[in-house]
Amino acid sequence: MIGYRRLCSVILIALTTAGPAMAQSRNGNVWHGVAHQPNNSVVRGDEKARGIAASPQEQTGQEEDILDRLAREMLERSSR
């Protein structure tokens, strides 16, 4: 019986002390210093390094398509 109580107290201490340490190691999208949702400059740099980056003309066309789609969505929402 004493072993069971001791085991429970050790587990309780471990659970209560690990919580704050884990919470502090995560900040938004950054876990342990690694961004898990990279921004556009990181993605473009990675694509360029791999040789799969879009040309400036393709990139401009893609951005214009995205802006057009967003504008249509906003107009649809405002007309509801």
PDB file of N, CA and C in Angstrom:
ATOM      1  N   MET A   1       0.820  -1.201   0.000  1.00  0.00           N
ATOM      2  CA  MET A   1       0.000   0.000   0.000  1.00  0.00           C
ATOM      3  C   MET A   1       0.862   1.264   0.000  1.00  0.00           C
ATOM      4  N   ILE A   2       1.958   1.229   0.706  1.00  0.00           N
ATOM      5  CA  ILE A   2       2.833   2.394   0.745  1.00  0.00           C
ATOM      6  C   ILE A   2       3.444   2.630  -0.637  1.00  0.00           C
ATOM      7  N   GLY A   3       3.776   1.568  -1.343  1.00  0.00           N
ATOM      8  CA  GLY A   3       4.337   1.688  -2.681  1.00  0.00           C
ATOM      9  C   GLY A   3       3.365   2.359  -3.643  1.00  0.00           C
ATOM     10  N   TYR A   4       2.082   2.036  -3.525  1.00  0.00           N
ATOM     11  CA  TYR A   4       1.059   2.618  -4.393  1.00  0.00           C
ATOM     12  C   TYR A   4       0.925   4.113  -4.134  1.00  0.00           C
ATOM     13  N   ARG A   5       0.918   4.513  -2.877  1.00  0.00           N
ATOM     14  CA  ARG A   5       0.810   5.945  -2.545  1.00  0.00           C
ATOM     15  C   ARG A   5       2.027   6.705  -3.054  1.00  0.00           C
ATOM     16  N   ARG A   6       3.178   6.105  -2.882  1.00  0.00           N
ATOM     17  CA  ARG A   6       4.406   6.758  -3.334  1.00  0.00           C
ATOM     18  C   ARG A   6       4.399   6.916  -4.860  1.00  0.00           C
ATOM     19  N   LEU A   7       3.967   5.868  -5.555  1.00  0.00           N
ATOM     20  CA  LEU A   7       3.880   5.922  -7.009  1.00  0.00           C
ATOM     21  C   LEU A   7       2.911   7.018  -7.461  1.00  0.00           C
ATOM     22  N   CYS A   8       1.776   7.106  -6.803  1.00  0.00           N
ATOM     23  CA  CYS A   8       0.786   8.138  -7.147  1.00  0.00           C
ATOM     24  C   CYS A   8       1.345   9.534  -6.916  1.00  0.00           C
ATOM     25  N   SER A   9       2.048   9.726  -5.823  1.00  0.00           N
ATOM     26  CA  SER A   9       2.604  11.054  -5.534  1.00  0.00           C
ATOM     27  C   SER A   9       3.689  11.408  -6.536  1.00  0.00           C
ATOM     28  N   VAL A  10       4.491  10.448  -6.955  1.00  0.00           N
ATOM     29  CA  VAL A  10       5.525  10.715  -7.956  1.00  0.00           C
ATOM     30  C   VAL A  10       4.888  11.084  -9.290  1.00  0.00           C
ATOM     31  N   ILE A  11       3.850  10.371  -9.680  1.00  0.00           N
ATOM     32  CA  ILE A  11       3.149  10.684 -10.930  1.00  0.00           C
ATOM     33  C   ILE A  11       2.521  12.069 -10.852  1.00  0.00           C
ATOM     34  N   LEU A  12       1.904  12.386  -9.734  1.00  0.00           N
ATOM     35  CA  LEU A  12       1.279  13.701  -9.560  1.00  0.00           C
ATOM     36  C   LEU A  12       2.315  14.812  -9.655  1.00  0.00           C
ATOM     37  N   ILE A  13       3.447  14.641  -9.027  1.00  0.00           N
ATOM     38  CA  ILE A  13       4.510  15.651  -9.086  1.00  0.00           C
ATOM     39  C   ILE A  13       5.017  15.790 -10.517  1.00  0.00           C
ATOM     40  N   ALA A  14       5.204  14.665 -11.192  1.00  0.00           N
ATOM     41  CA  ALA A  14       5.696  14.714 -12.570  1.00  0.00           C
ATOM     42  C   ALA A  14       4.721  15.439 -13.494  1.00  0.00           C
ATOM     43  N   LEU A  15       3.434  15.187 -13.315  1.00  0.00           N
ATOM     44  CA  LEU A  15       2.433  15.834 -14.167  1.00  0.00           C
ATOM     45  C   LEU A  15       2.329  17.325 -13.901  1.00  0.00           C
ATOM     46  N   THR A  16       2.417  17.727 -12.663  1.00  0.00           N
ATOM     47  CA  THR A  16       2.268  19.149 -12.338  1.00  0.00           C
ATOM     48  C   THR A  16       3.509  19.951 -12.693  1.00  0.00           C
ATOM     49  N   THR A  17       4.682  19.346 -12.676  1.00  0.00           N
ATOM     50  CA  THR A  17       5.889  20.103 -13.021  1.00  0.00           C
ATOM     51  C   THR A  17       6.159  20.106 -14.512  1.00  0.00           C
ATOM     52  N   ALA A  18       5.667  19.142 -15.262  1.00  0.00           N
ATOM     53  CA  ALA A  18       5.916  19.100 -16.707  1.00  0.00           C
ATOM     54  C   ALA A  18       5.029  20.091 -17.455  1.00  0.00           C
ATOM     55  N   GLY A  19       3.855  20.384 -16.927  1.00  0.00           N
ATOM     56  CA  GLY A  19       2.920  21.274 -17.607  1.00  0.00           C
ATOM     57  C   GLY A  19       3.479  22.649 -17.906  1.00  0.00           C
ATOM     58  N   PRO A  20       3.955  23.395 -16.906  1.00  0.00           N
ATOM     59  CA  PRO A  20       4.493  24.729 -17.189  1.00  0.00           C
ATOM     60  C   PRO A  20       5.707  24.708 -18.105  1.00  0.00           C
ATOM     61  N   ALA A  21       6.551  23.698 -17.983  1.00  0.00           N
ATOM     62  CA  ALA A  21       7.731  23.623 -18.850  1.00  0.00           C
ATOM     63  C   ALA A  21       7.317  23.416 -20.291  1.00  0.00           C
ATOM     64  N   MET A  22       6.316  22.589 -20.521  1.00  0.00           N
ATOM     65  CA  MET A  22       5.849  22.349 -21.889  1.00  0.00           C
ATOM     66  C   MET A  22       5.172  23.596 -22.445  1.00  0.00           C
ATOM     67  N   ALA A  23       4.428  24.300 -21.625  1.00  0.00           N
ATOM     68  CA  ALA A  23       3.735  25.498 -22.092  1.00  0.00           C
ATOM     69  C   ALA A  23       4.725  26.587 -22.475  1.00  0.00           C
ATOM     70  N   GLN A  24       5.819  26.679 -21.757  1.00  0.00           N
ATOM     71  CA  GLN A  24       6.806  27.708 -22.053  1.00  0.00           C
ATOM     72  C   GLN A  24       7.629  27.379 -23.292  1.00  0.00           C
ATOM     73  N   SER A  25       7.717  26.118 -23.660  1.00  0.00           N
ATOM     74  CA  SER A  25       8.522  25.754 -24.822  1.00  0.00           C
ATOM     75  C   SER A  25       7.761  25.989 -26.121  1.00  0.00           C
ATOM     76  N   ARG A  26       6.482  26.307 -26.064  1.00  0.00           N
ATOM     77  CA  ARG A  26       5.683  26.549 -27.259  1.00  0.00           C
ATOM     78  C   ARG A  26       5.195  27.992 -27.252  1.00  0.00           C
ATOM     79  N   ASN A  27       5.422  28.691 -28.357  1.00  0.00           N
ATOM     80  CA  ASN A  27       4.992  30.076 -28.469  1.00  0.00           C
ATOM     81  C   ASN A  27       4.366  30.262 -29.844  1.00  0.00           C
ATOM     82  N   GLY A  28       3.036  30.222 -29.907  1.00  0.00           N
ATOM     83  CA  GLY A  28       2.356  30.376 -31.183  1.00  0.00           C
ATOM     84  C   GLY A  28       2.697  29.255 -32.137  1.00  0.00           C
ATOM     85  N   ASN A  29       3.249  29.590 -33.295  1.00  0.00           N
ATOM     86  CA  ASN A  29       3.602  28.596 -34.302  1.00  0.00           C
ATOM     87  C   ASN A  29       5.005  28.058 -34.104  1.00  0.00           C
ATOM     88  N   VAL A  30       5.713  28.544 -33.075  1.00  0.00           N
ATOM     89  CA  VAL A  30       7.097  28.152 -32.852  1.00  0.00           C
ATOM     90  C   VAL A  30       7.162  27.173 -31.693  1.00  0.00           C
ATOM     91  N   TRP A  31       7.661  25.993 -31.978  1.00  0.00           N
ATOM     92  CA  TRP A  31       7.842  24.965 -30.946  1.00  0.00           C
ATOM     93  C   TRP A  31       9.310  24.643 -30.869  1.00  0.00           C
ATOM     94  N   HIS A  32       9.896  24.852 -29.714  1.00  0.00           N
ATOM     95  CA  HIS A  32      11.317  24.570 -29.491  1.00  0.00           C
ATOM     96  C   HIS A  32      12.189  25.271 -30.528  1.00  0.00           C
ATOM     97  N   GLY A  33      11.841  26.500 -30.861  1.00  0.00           N
ATOM     98  CA  GLY A  33      12.643  27.299 -31.776  1.00  0.00           C
ATOM     99  C   GLY A  33      12.443  27.005 -33.245  1.00  0.00           C
ATOM    100  N   VAL A  34      11.488  26.154 -33.602  1.00  0.00           N
ATOM    101  CA  VAL A  34      11.255  25.801 -35.001  1.00  0.00           C
ATOM    102  C   VAL A  34       9.873  26.301 -35.413  1.00  0.00           C
ATOM    103  N   ALA A  35       9.811  27.099 -36.482  1.00  0.00           N
ATOM    104  CA  ALA A  35       8.529  27.594 -36.981  1.00  0.00           C
ATOM    105  C   ALA A  35       7.822  26.476 -37.728  1.00  0.00           C
ATOM    106  N   HIS A  36       6.587  26.216 -37.380  1.00  0.00           N
ATOM    107  CA  HIS A  36       5.835  25.153 -38.024  1.00  0.00           C
ATOM    108  C   HIS A  36       4.854  25.686 -39.063  1.00  0.00           C
ATOM    109  N   GLN A  37       4.844  26.966 -39.244  1.00  0.00           N
ATOM    110  CA  GLN A  37       4.037  27.574 -40.294  1.00  0.00           C
ATOM    111  C   GLN A  37       4.903  28.673 -40.919  1.00  0.00           C
ATOM    112  N   PRO A  38       5.752  28.298 -41.871  1.00  0.00           N
ATOM    113  CA  PRO A  38       6.708  29.258 -42.417  1.00  0.00           C
ATOM    114  C   PRO A  38       6.024  30.368 -43.199  1.00  0.00           C
ATOM    115  N   ASN A  39       6.687  31.510 -43.279  1.00  0.00           N
ATOM    116  CA  ASN A  39       6.143  32.637 -44.035  1.00  0.00           C
ATOM    117  C   ASN A  39       6.568  32.535 -45.501  1.00  0.00           C
ATOM    118  N   ASN A  40       6.087  33.454 -46.323  1.00  0.00           N
ATOM    119  CA  ASN A  40       6.345  33.399 -47.767  1.00  0.00           C
ATOM    120  C   ASN A  40       7.826  33.453 -48.100  1.00  0.00           C
ATOM    121  N   SER A  41       8.590  34.271 -47.388  1.00  0.00           N
ATOM    122  CA  SER A  41      10.011  34.380 -47.732  1.00  0.00           C
ATOM    123  C   SER A  41      10.743  33.068 -47.475  1.00  0.00           C
ATOM    124  N   VAL A  42      10.364  32.345 -46.432  1.00  0.00           N
ATOM    125  CA  VAL A  42      10.985  31.045 -46.160  1.00  0.00           C
ATOM    126  C   VAL A  42      10.613  30.045 -47.247  1.00  0.00           C
ATOM    127  N   VAL A  43       9.341  30.022 -47.618  1.00  0.00           N
ATOM    128  CA  VAL A  43       8.886  29.084 -48.654  1.00  0.00           C
ATOM    129  C   VAL A  43       9.559  29.395 -49.983  1.00  0.00           C
ATOM    130  N   ARG A  44       9.601  30.659 -50.362  1.00  0.00           N
ATOM    131  CA  ARG A  44      10.229  31.028 -51.642  1.00  0.00           C
ATOM    132  C   ARG A  44      11.715  30.693 -51.642  1.00  0.00           C
ATOM    133  N   GLY A  45      12.392  30.925 -50.525  1.00  0.00           N
ATOM    134  CA  GLY A  45      13.812  30.577 -50.432  1.00  0.00           C
ATOM    135  C   GLY A  45      14.032  29.080 -50.575  1.00  0.00           C
ATOM    136  N   ASP A  46      13.179  28.288 -49.933  1.00  0.00           N
ATOM    137  CA  ASP A  46      13.277  26.831 -50.047  1.00  0.00           C
ATOM    138  C   ASP A  46      13.009  26.370 -51.480  1.00  0.00           C
ATOM    139  N   GLU A  47      12.000  26.961 -52.116  1.00  0.00           N
ATOM    140  CA  GLU A  47      11.681  26.589 -53.496  1.00  0.00           C
ATOM    141  C   GLU A  47      12.832  26.954 -54.437  1.00  0.00           C
ATOM    142  N   LYS A  48      13.413  28.117 -54.213  1.00  0.00           N
ATOM    143  CA  LYS A  48      14.527  28.541 -55.060  1.00  0.00           C
ATOM    144  C   LYS A  48      15.719  27.606 -54.874  1.00  0.00           C
ATOM    145  N   ALA A  49      15.996  27.212 -53.645  1.00  0.00           N
ATOM    146  CA  ALA A  49      17.113  26.304 -53.378  1.00  0.00           C
ATOM    147  C   ALA A  49      16.892  24.944 -54.030  1.00  0.00           C
ATOM    148  N   ARG A  50      15.656  24.512 -54.114  1.00  0.00           N
ATOM    149  CA  ARG A  50      15.348  23.209 -54.725  1.00  0.00           C
ATOM    150  C   ARG A  50      15.183  23.293 -56.242  1.00  0.00           C
ATOM    151  N   GLY A  51      15.171  24.519 -56.772  1.00  0.00           N
ATOM    152  CA  GLY A  51      15.028  24.683 -58.215  1.00  0.00           C
ATOM    153  C   GLY A  51      13.606  24.574 -58.707  1.00  0.00           C
ATOM    154  N   ILE A  52      12.622  24.783 -57.829  1.00  0.00           N
ATOM    155  CA  ILE A  52      11.222  24.675 -58.238  1.00  0.00           C
ATOM    156  C   ILE A  52      10.471  25.995 -58.089  1.00  0.00           C
ATOM    157  N   ALA A  53      11.219  27.070 -57.931  1.00  0.00           N
ATOM    158  CA  ALA A  53      10.589  28.372 -57.728  1.00  0.00           C
ATOM    159  C   ALA A  53       9.924  28.846 -59.026  1.00  0.00           C
ATOM    160  N   ALA A  54       8.806  29.541 -58.884  1.00  0.00           N
ATOM    161  CA  ALA A  54       8.104  30.104 -60.037  1.00  0.00           C
ATOM    162  C   ALA A  54       8.885  31.311 -60.555  1.00  0.00           C
ATOM    163  N   SER A  55       8.781  31.540 -61.851  1.00  0.00           N
ATOM    164  CA  SER A  55       9.413  32.726 -62.432  1.00  0.00           C
ATOM    165  C   SER A  55       8.673  33.962 -61.926  1.00  0.00           C
ATOM    166  N   PRO A  56       9.296  35.124 -62.040  1.00  0.00           N
ATOM    167  CA  PRO A  56       8.607  36.344 -61.581  1.00  0.00           C
ATOM    168  C   PRO A  56       7.258  36.561 -62.270  1.00  0.00           C
ATOM    169  N   GLN A  57       7.172  36.212 -63.558  1.00  0.00           N
ATOM    170  CA  GLN A  57       5.916  36.375 -64.277  1.00  0.00           C
ATOM    171  C   GLN A  57       4.857  35.404 -63.734  1.00  0.00           C
ATOM    172  N   GLU A  58       5.257  34.163 -63.487  1.00  0.00           N
ATOM    173  CA  GLU A  58       4.322  33.186 -62.928  1.00  0.00           C
ATOM    174  C   GLU A  58       3.873  33.604 -61.533  1.00  0.00           C
ATOM    175  N   GLN A  59       4.825  34.099 -60.754  1.00  0.00           N
ATOM    176  CA  GLN A  59       4.499  34.518 -59.393  1.00  0.00           C
ATOM    177  C   GLN A  59       3.502  35.671 -59.405  1.00  0.00           C
ATOM    178  N   THR A  60       3.721  36.641 -60.298  1.00  0.00           N
ATOM    179  CA  THR A  60       2.803  37.782 -60.406  1.00  0.00           C
ATOM    180  C   THR A  60       1.419  37.303 -60.811  1.00  0.00           C
ATOM    181  N   GLY A  61       1.360  36.383 -61.772  1.00  0.00           N
ATOM    182  CA  GLY A  61       0.065  35.854 -62.210  1.00  0.00           C
ATOM    183  C   GLY A  61      -0.646  35.113 -61.089  1.00  0.00           C
ATOM    184  N   GLN A  62       0.097  34.332 -60.306  1.00  0.00           N
ATOM    185  CA  GLN A  62      -0.505  33.604 -59.186  1.00  0.00           C
ATOM    186  C   GLN A  62      -1.034  34.571 -58.131  1.00  0.00           C
ATOM    187  N   GLU A  63      -0.252  35.617 -57.841  1.00  0.00           N
ATOM    188  CA  GLU A  63      -0.691  36.600 -56.847  1.00  0.00           C
ATOM    189  C   GLU A  63      -1.943  37.335 -57.326  1.00  0.00           C
ATOM    190  N   GLU A  64      -1.995  37.665 -58.616  1.00  0.00           N
ATOM    191  CA  GLU A  64      -3.178  38.339 -59.150  1.00  0.00           C
ATOM    192  C   GLU A  64      -4.405  37.429 -59.069  1.00  0.00           C
ATOM    193  N   ASP A  65      -4.211  36.140 -59.346  1.00  0.00           N
ATOM    194  CA  ASP A  65      -5.321  35.186 -59.230  1.00  0.00           C
ATOM    195  C   ASP A  65      -5.832  35.106 -57.794  1.00  0.00           C
ATOM    196  N   ILE A  66      -4.920  35.088 -56.850  1.00  0.00           N
ATOM    197  CA  ILE A  66      -5.306  35.034 -55.433  1.00  0.00           C
ATOM    198  C   ILE A  66      -6.076  36.291 -55.045  1.00  0.00           C
ATOM    199  N   LEU A  67      -5.582  37.454 -55.470  1.00  0.00           N
ATOM    200  CA  LEU A  67      -6.267  38.708 -55.144  1.00  0.00           C
ATOM    201  C   LEU A  67      -7.645  38.773 -55.785  1.00  0.00           C
ATOM    202  N   ASP A  68      -7.765  38.303 -57.025  1.00  0.00           N
ATOM    203  CA  ASP A  68      -9.074  38.275 -57.691  1.00  0.00           C
ATOM    204  C   ASP A  68     -10.048  37.372 -56.939  1.00  0.00           C
ATOM    205  N   ARG A  69      -9.567  36.200 -56.530  1.00  0.00           N
ATOM    206  CA  ARG A  69     -10.428  35.265 -55.799  1.00  0.00           C
ATOM    207  C   ARG A  69     -10.879  35.870 -54.467  1.00  0.00           C
ATOM    208  N   LEU A  70      -9.955  36.520 -53.757  1.00  0.00           N
ATOM    209  CA  LEU A  70     -10.317  37.148 -52.487  1.00  0.00           C
ATOM    210  C   LEU A  70     -11.323  38.281 -52.685  1.00  0.00           C
ATOM    211  N   ALA A  71     -11.139  39.051 -53.745  1.00  0.00           N
ATOM    212  CA  ALA A  71     -12.078  40.142 -54.036  1.00  0.00           C
ATOM    213  C   ALA A  71     -13.467  39.590 -54.322  1.00  0.00           C
ATOM    214  N   ARG A  72     -13.553  38.498 -55.103  1.00  0.00           N
ATOM    215  CA  ARG A  72     -14.860  37.881 -55.391  1.00  0.00           C
ATOM    216  C   ARG A  72     -15.514  37.368 -54.108  1.00  0.00           C
ATOM    217  N   GLU A  73     -14.719  36.738 -53.239  1.00  0.00           N
ATOM    218  CA  GLU A  73     -15.272  36.227 -51.985  1.00  0.00           C
ATOM    219  C   GLU A  73     -15.806  37.368 -51.116  1.00  0.00           C
ATOM    220  N   MET A  74     -15.068  38.472 -51.075  1.00  0.00           N
ATOM    221  CA  MET A  74     -15.526  39.611 -50.274  1.00  0.00           C
ATOM    222  C   MET A  74     -16.816  40.193 -50.831  1.00  0.00           C
ATOM    223  N   LEU A  75     -16.918  40.291 -52.166  1.00  0.00           N
ATOM    224  CA  LEU A  75     -18.131  40.818 -52.773  1.00  0.00           C
ATOM    225  C   LEU A  75     -19.319  39.890 -52.493  1.00  0.00           C
ATOM    226  N   GLU A  76     -19.090  38.580 -52.573  1.00  0.00           N
ATOM    227  CA  GLU A  76     -20.166  37.630 -52.282  1.00  0.00           C
ATOM    228  C   GLU A  76     -20.632  37.742 -50.837  1.00  0.00           C
ATOM    229  N   ARG A  77     -19.705  37.903 -49.933  1.00  0.00           N
ATOM    230  CA  ARG A  77     -20.073  38.017 -48.505  1.00  0.00           C
ATOM    231  C   ARG A  77     -20.800  39.312 -48.214  1.00  0.00           C
ATOM    232  N   SER A  78     -20.404  40.382 -48.900  1.00  0.00           N
ATOM    233  CA  SER A  78     -21.044  41.662 -48.635  1.00  0.00           C
ATOM    234  C   SER A  78     -22.451  41.726 -49.235  1.00  0.00           C
ATOM    235  N   SER A  79     -22.721  40.907 -50.239  1.00  0.00           N
ATOM    236  CA  SER A  79     -24.049  40.940 -50.864  1.00  0.00           C
ATOM    237  C   SER A  79     -25.058  40.057 -50.137  1.00  0.00           C
ATOM    238  N   ARG A  80     -24.635  39.301 -49.147  1.00  0.00           N
ATOM    239  CA  ARG A  80     -25.538  38.410 -48.409  1.00  0.00           C
ATOM    240  C   ARG A  80     -26.403  39.167 -47.435  1.00  0.00           C
TER     241      ARG A  80
END
